[in-house]
Amino acid sequence: MSTTDTMDLDLFRSELEQRLLMAKEYLIQELSSIDDDQERLELLGKFNDQYKELTKRIANENRIDLNAQYQSGDFSYEKIILGKTMDIYDKLADELYEEITSAN
């Protein structure tokens, strides 16, 4: 899909949510091998990096230029996608944080 086509942001959001959920589950599995509290908390940064990378990867898979202007022209695709997906990231990051802080 090129940026001149109409992009289904709900589909993008759904795909990103599925991949982030898998990434979160993988990081939760890593918890059992980490004893240091600081290292455990660093998993949140790793999750944030994965969010950014997955957003770029899904955009690339769909031939979406994140820097191009979205249909209205006021915002880039990247900003629109960020706005549409941040709640997913926040929810999963909160769940990961709960797992990290409760794991002992």
N, C-alpha and C. Protein backbone atom coordinates (compact mmCIF):
# COMPACT_ATOMS: atom_id res chain seq x y z
N MET A 1 0.85 -1.18 0.00
CA MET A 1 0.00 0.00 0.00
C MET A 1 0.89 1.23 0.00
N SER A 2 0.63 2.14 -0.87
CA SER A 2 1.40 3.38 -0.88
C SER A 2 0.67 4.42 -0.05
N THR A 3 1.36 5.49 0.26
CA THR A 3 0.75 6.52 1.09
C THR A 3 -0.36 7.25 0.35
N THR A 4 -0.47 7.06 -0.96
CA THR A 4 -1.57 7.69 -1.68
C THR A 4 -2.85 6.89 -1.56
N ASP A 5 -2.76 5.65 -1.14
CA ASP A 5 -3.94 4.82 -0.92
C ASP A 5 -4.50 5.09 0.47
N THR A 6 -5.75 4.77 0.64
CA THR A 6 -6.35 4.88 1.96
C THR A 6 -5.88 3.72 2.80
N MET A 7 -5.33 4.03 3.93
CA MET A 7 -4.80 2.99 4.81
C MET A 7 -5.83 2.65 5.87
N ASP A 8 -6.04 1.40 6.12
CA ASP A 8 -6.95 0.98 7.18
C ASP A 8 -6.20 0.99 8.50
N LEU A 9 -6.36 2.06 9.24
CA LEU A 9 -5.63 2.21 10.50
C LEU A 9 -6.08 1.19 11.54
N ASP A 10 -7.33 0.73 11.46
CA ASP A 10 -7.79 -0.29 12.40
C ASP A 10 -7.04 -1.60 12.18
N LEU A 11 -6.78 -1.92 10.91
CA LEU A 11 -6.01 -3.13 10.61
C LEU A 11 -4.58 -2.99 11.09
N PHE A 12 -3.98 -1.83 10.87
CA PHE A 12 -2.62 -1.56 11.33
C PHE A 12 -2.57 -1.72 12.85
N ARG A 13 -3.52 -1.12 13.52
CA ARG A 13 -3.61 -1.17 14.97
C ARG A 13 -3.73 -2.61 15.48
N SER A 14 -4.58 -3.37 14.82
CA SER A 14 -4.79 -4.76 15.21
C SER A 14 -3.51 -5.59 15.04
N GLU A 15 -2.84 -5.41 13.92
CA GLU A 15 -1.59 -6.13 13.66
C GLU A 15 -0.53 -5.75 14.69
N LEU A 16 -0.41 -4.46 14.96
CA LEU A 16 0.56 -3.99 15.94
C LEU A 16 0.25 -4.56 17.32
N GLU A 17 -1.02 -4.58 17.69
CA GLU A 17 -1.41 -5.11 19.00
C GLU A 17 -1.02 -6.58 19.14
N GLN A 18 -1.26 -7.37 18.10
CA GLN A 18 -0.91 -8.79 18.15
C GLN A 18 0.60 -8.98 18.31
N ARG A 19 1.37 -8.24 17.55
CA ARG A 19 2.83 -8.38 17.62
C ARG A 19 3.38 -7.87 18.96
N LEU A 20 2.80 -6.79 19.47
CA LEU A 20 3.25 -6.28 20.77
C LEU A 20 2.90 -7.25 21.90
N LEU A 21 1.76 -7.88 21.78
CA LEU A 21 1.36 -8.86 22.78
C LEU A 21 2.36 -10.02 22.81
N MET A 22 2.79 -10.47 21.64
CA MET A 22 3.80 -11.54 21.58
C MET A 22 5.13 -11.06 22.16
N ALA A 23 5.50 -9.82 21.86
CA ALA A 23 6.75 -9.27 22.40
C ALA A 23 6.69 -9.18 23.92
N LYS A 24 5.55 -8.75 24.44
CA LYS A 24 5.38 -8.65 25.90
C LYS A 24 5.50 -10.03 26.54
N GLU A 25 4.85 -11.02 25.95
CA GLU A 25 4.90 -12.37 26.51
C GLU A 25 6.33 -12.91 26.50
N TYR A 26 7.07 -12.63 25.46
CA TYR A 26 8.46 -13.05 25.37
C TYR A 26 9.28 -12.40 26.49
N LEU A 27 9.07 -11.10 26.71
CA LEU A 27 9.81 -10.40 27.77
C LEU A 27 9.43 -10.94 29.15
N ILE A 28 8.18 -11.31 29.34
CA ILE A 28 7.76 -11.90 30.62
C ILE A 28 8.49 -13.21 30.85
N GLN A 29 8.70 -13.99 29.79
CA GLN A 29 9.46 -15.24 29.91
C GLN A 29 10.90 -14.95 30.31
N GLU A 30 11.45 -13.84 29.82
CA GLU A 30 12.83 -13.47 30.16
C GLU A 30 12.99 -13.15 31.65
N LEU A 31 11.91 -12.72 32.29
CA LEU A 31 11.98 -12.32 33.70
C LEU A 31 12.57 -13.41 34.60
N SER A 32 12.23 -14.65 34.31
CA SER A 32 12.69 -15.74 35.17
C SER A 32 14.21 -15.90 35.18
N SER A 33 14.87 -15.38 34.16
CA SER A 33 16.33 -15.51 34.09
C SER A 33 17.05 -14.25 34.56
N ILE A 34 16.32 -13.26 35.05
CA ILE A 34 16.93 -12.00 35.48
C ILE A 34 16.69 -11.82 36.98
N ASP A 35 17.79 -11.69 37.74
CA ASP A 35 17.69 -11.52 39.18
C ASP A 35 17.75 -10.05 39.60
N ASP A 36 18.44 -9.24 38.84
CA ASP A 36 18.66 -7.85 39.20
C ASP A 36 17.42 -7.00 38.89
N ASP A 37 16.95 -6.24 39.89
CA ASP A 37 15.75 -5.42 39.72
C ASP A 37 15.92 -4.37 38.62
N GLN A 38 17.11 -3.76 38.55
CA GLN A 38 17.35 -2.75 37.53
C GLN A 38 17.28 -3.35 36.13
N GLU A 39 17.85 -4.53 35.97
CA GLU A 39 17.80 -5.21 34.67
C GLU A 39 16.36 -5.55 34.29
N ARG A 40 15.57 -5.91 35.29
CA ARG A 40 14.15 -6.21 35.03
C ARG A 40 13.43 -4.97 34.52
N LEU A 41 13.69 -3.84 35.17
CA LEU A 41 13.04 -2.59 34.75
C LEU A 41 13.49 -2.16 33.35
N GLU A 42 14.70 -2.53 32.98
CA GLU A 42 15.20 -2.20 31.64
C GLU A 42 14.40 -2.91 30.55
N LEU A 43 13.65 -3.94 30.93
CA LEU A 43 12.79 -4.61 29.95
C LEU A 43 11.72 -3.66 29.43
N LEU A 44 11.33 -2.67 30.25
CA LEU A 44 10.36 -1.68 29.78
C LEU A 44 10.92 -0.85 28.63
N GLY A 45 12.19 -0.48 28.74
CA GLY A 45 12.84 0.24 27.65
C GLY A 45 12.94 -0.61 26.40
N LYS A 46 13.22 -1.88 26.62
CA LYS A 46 13.30 -2.82 25.49
C LYS A 46 11.93 -2.93 24.81
N PHE A 47 10.87 -2.96 25.61
CA PHE A 47 9.52 -3.04 25.06
C PHE A 47 9.19 -1.78 24.26
N ASN A 48 9.60 -0.62 24.77
CA ASN A 48 9.39 0.64 24.06
C ASN A 48 10.11 0.61 22.70
N ASP A 49 11.33 0.11 22.69
CA ASP A 49 12.09 0.00 21.44
C ASP A 49 11.37 -0.94 20.47
N GLN A 50 10.81 -2.02 20.99
CA GLN A 50 10.09 -2.96 20.14
C GLN A 50 8.84 -2.32 19.55
N TYR A 51 8.17 -1.48 20.32
CA TYR A 51 7.00 -0.76 19.82
C TYR A 51 7.38 0.10 18.62
N LYS A 52 8.47 0.85 18.76
CA LYS A 52 8.92 1.71 17.67
C LYS A 52 9.32 0.88 16.45
N GLU A 53 10.06 -0.19 16.69
CA GLU A 53 10.53 -1.05 15.59
C GLU A 53 9.36 -1.74 14.89
N LEU A 54 8.41 -2.25 15.65
CA LEU A 54 7.27 -2.93 15.04
C LEU A 54 6.42 -1.95 14.23
N THR A 55 6.28 -0.73 14.72
CA THR A 55 5.54 0.28 13.96
C THR A 55 6.21 0.51 12.61
N LYS A 56 7.52 0.65 12.62
CA LYS A 56 8.26 0.85 11.37
C LYS A 56 8.16 -0.37 10.47
N ARG A 57 8.28 -1.55 11.06
CA ARG A 57 8.25 -2.79 10.27
C ARG A 57 6.90 -2.98 9.59
N ILE A 58 5.82 -2.78 10.33
CA ILE A 58 4.49 -2.94 9.75
C ILE A 58 4.26 -1.89 8.66
N ALA A 59 4.72 -0.69 8.90
CA ALA A 59 4.61 0.36 7.88
C ALA A 59 5.37 -0.04 6.63
N ASN A 60 6.59 -0.53 6.79
CA ASN A 60 7.39 -0.97 5.64
C ASN A 60 6.72 -2.12 4.90
N GLU A 61 6.16 -3.06 5.64
CA GLU A 61 5.49 -4.20 5.02
C GLU A 61 4.32 -3.75 4.16
N ASN A 62 3.72 -2.63 4.54
CA ASN A 62 2.57 -2.09 3.81
C ASN A 62 2.94 -0.92 2.91
N ARG A 63 4.25 -0.74 2.71
CA ARG A 63 4.79 0.34 1.87
C ARG A 63 4.22 1.71 2.26
N ILE A 64 4.26 1.97 3.55
CA ILE A 64 3.78 3.25 4.08
C ILE A 64 4.98 4.09 4.47
N ASP A 65 5.05 5.27 3.93
CA ASP A 65 6.10 6.22 4.28
C ASP A 65 5.63 6.97 5.52
N LEU A 66 6.24 6.68 6.66
CA LEU A 66 5.81 7.29 7.92
C LEU A 66 6.00 8.80 7.93
N ASN A 67 6.89 9.31 7.10
CA ASN A 67 7.13 10.75 7.05
C ASN A 67 6.17 11.49 6.13
N ALA A 68 5.46 10.75 5.29
CA ALA A 68 4.52 11.37 4.36
C ALA A 68 3.32 11.92 5.12
N GLN A 69 2.69 12.92 4.55
CA GLN A 69 1.51 13.51 5.17
C GLN A 69 0.32 12.58 5.03
N TYR A 70 -0.43 12.46 6.12
CA TYR A 70 -1.66 11.67 6.11
C TYR A 70 -2.70 12.42 5.27
N GLN A 71 -3.81 11.80 4.97
CA GLN A 71 -4.82 12.33 4.06
C GLN A 71 -5.15 13.80 4.28
N SER A 72 -5.34 14.21 5.51
CA SER A 72 -5.72 15.60 5.77
C SER A 72 -4.56 16.55 5.53
N GLY A 73 -3.33 16.03 5.56
CA GLY A 73 -2.16 16.86 5.33
C GLY A 73 -1.64 17.57 6.55
N ASP A 74 -2.36 17.50 7.66
CA ASP A 74 -1.94 18.20 8.87
C ASP A 74 -0.87 17.43 9.66
N PHE A 75 -0.90 16.11 9.54
CA PHE A 75 0.01 15.27 10.31
C PHE A 75 0.61 14.20 9.42
N SER A 76 1.77 13.70 9.85
CA SER A 76 2.41 12.60 9.12
C SER A 76 1.72 11.28 9.50
N TYR A 77 1.93 10.28 8.66
CA TYR A 77 1.42 8.95 8.98
C TYR A 77 1.94 8.51 10.35
N GLU A 78 3.20 8.81 10.64
CA GLU A 78 3.79 8.40 11.90
C GLU A 78 3.01 8.97 13.09
N LYS A 79 2.66 10.24 13.03
CA LYS A 79 1.92 10.86 14.13
C LYS A 79 0.50 10.32 14.24
N ILE A 80 -0.13 10.07 13.12
CA ILE A 80 -1.48 9.50 13.13
C ILE A 80 -1.44 8.10 13.74
N ILE A 81 -0.49 7.29 13.30
CA ILE A 81 -0.37 5.92 13.81
C ILE A 81 -0.03 5.95 15.29
N LEU A 82 0.86 6.82 15.70
CA LEU A 82 1.19 6.94 17.12
C LEU A 82 -0.06 7.26 17.93
N GLY A 83 -0.85 8.21 17.45
CA GLY A 83 -2.08 8.58 18.15
C GLY A 83 -3.08 7.45 18.23
N LYS A 84 -3.14 6.63 17.18
CA LYS A 84 -4.10 5.53 17.14
C LYS A 84 -3.65 4.29 17.91
N THR A 85 -2.36 4.21 18.23
CA THR A 85 -1.85 2.98 18.85
C THR A 85 -1.26 3.19 20.25
N MET A 86 -1.12 4.41 20.69
CA MET A 86 -0.47 4.66 21.98
C MET A 86 -1.22 4.00 23.14
N ASP A 87 -2.54 3.93 23.06
CA ASP A 87 -3.29 3.30 24.15
C ASP A 87 -2.98 1.81 24.26
N ILE A 88 -2.73 1.17 23.12
CA ILE A 88 -2.34 -0.25 23.13
C ILE A 88 -1.00 -0.41 23.82
N TYR A 89 -0.05 0.42 23.41
CA TYR A 89 1.28 0.38 24.01
C TYR A 89 1.19 0.62 25.52
N ASP A 90 0.46 1.65 25.92
CA ASP A 90 0.33 1.98 27.35
C ASP A 90 -0.24 0.81 28.15
N LYS A 91 -1.28 0.19 27.63
CA LYS A 91 -1.92 -0.94 28.31
C LYS A 91 -0.95 -2.10 28.48
N LEU A 92 -0.27 -2.45 27.40
CA LEU A 92 0.65 -3.59 27.46
C LEU A 92 1.89 -3.26 28.29
N ALA A 93 2.37 -2.03 28.23
CA ALA A 93 3.51 -1.63 29.05
C ALA A 93 3.13 -1.67 30.53
N ASP A 94 1.92 -1.24 30.86
CA ASP A 94 1.45 -1.32 32.25
C ASP A 94 1.38 -2.77 32.72
N GLU A 95 0.88 -3.65 31.86
CA GLU A 95 0.82 -5.08 32.21
C GLU A 95 2.22 -5.64 32.41
N LEU A 96 3.14 -5.25 31.55
CA LEU A 96 4.53 -5.71 31.69
C LEU A 96 5.13 -5.19 32.99
N TYR A 97 4.88 -3.93 33.31
CA TYR A 97 5.39 -3.35 34.55
C TYR A 97 4.86 -4.13 35.76
N GLU A 98 3.59 -4.48 35.74
CA GLU A 98 3.01 -5.27 36.84
C GLU A 98 3.72 -6.61 36.97
N GLU A 99 3.99 -7.25 35.86
CA GLU A 99 4.70 -8.54 35.88
C GLU A 99 6.12 -8.36 36.44
N ILE A 100 6.78 -7.30 36.02
CA ILE A 100 8.15 -7.04 36.46
C ILE A 100 8.20 -6.79 37.96
N THR A 101 7.29 -5.96 38.44
CA THR A 101 7.32 -5.58 39.86
C THR A 101 6.79 -6.68 40.78
N SER A 102 6.01 -7.60 40.25
CA SER A 102 5.50 -8.68 41.09
C SER A 102 6.38 -9.92 41.03
N ALA A 103 7.30 -9.99 40.09
CA ALA A 103 8.19 -11.15 39.96
C ALA A 103 9.32 -11.06 40.98
N ASN A 104 9.43 -12.06 41.76
CA ASN A 104 10.51 -12.12 42.75
C ASN A 104 11.11 -13.51 42.80
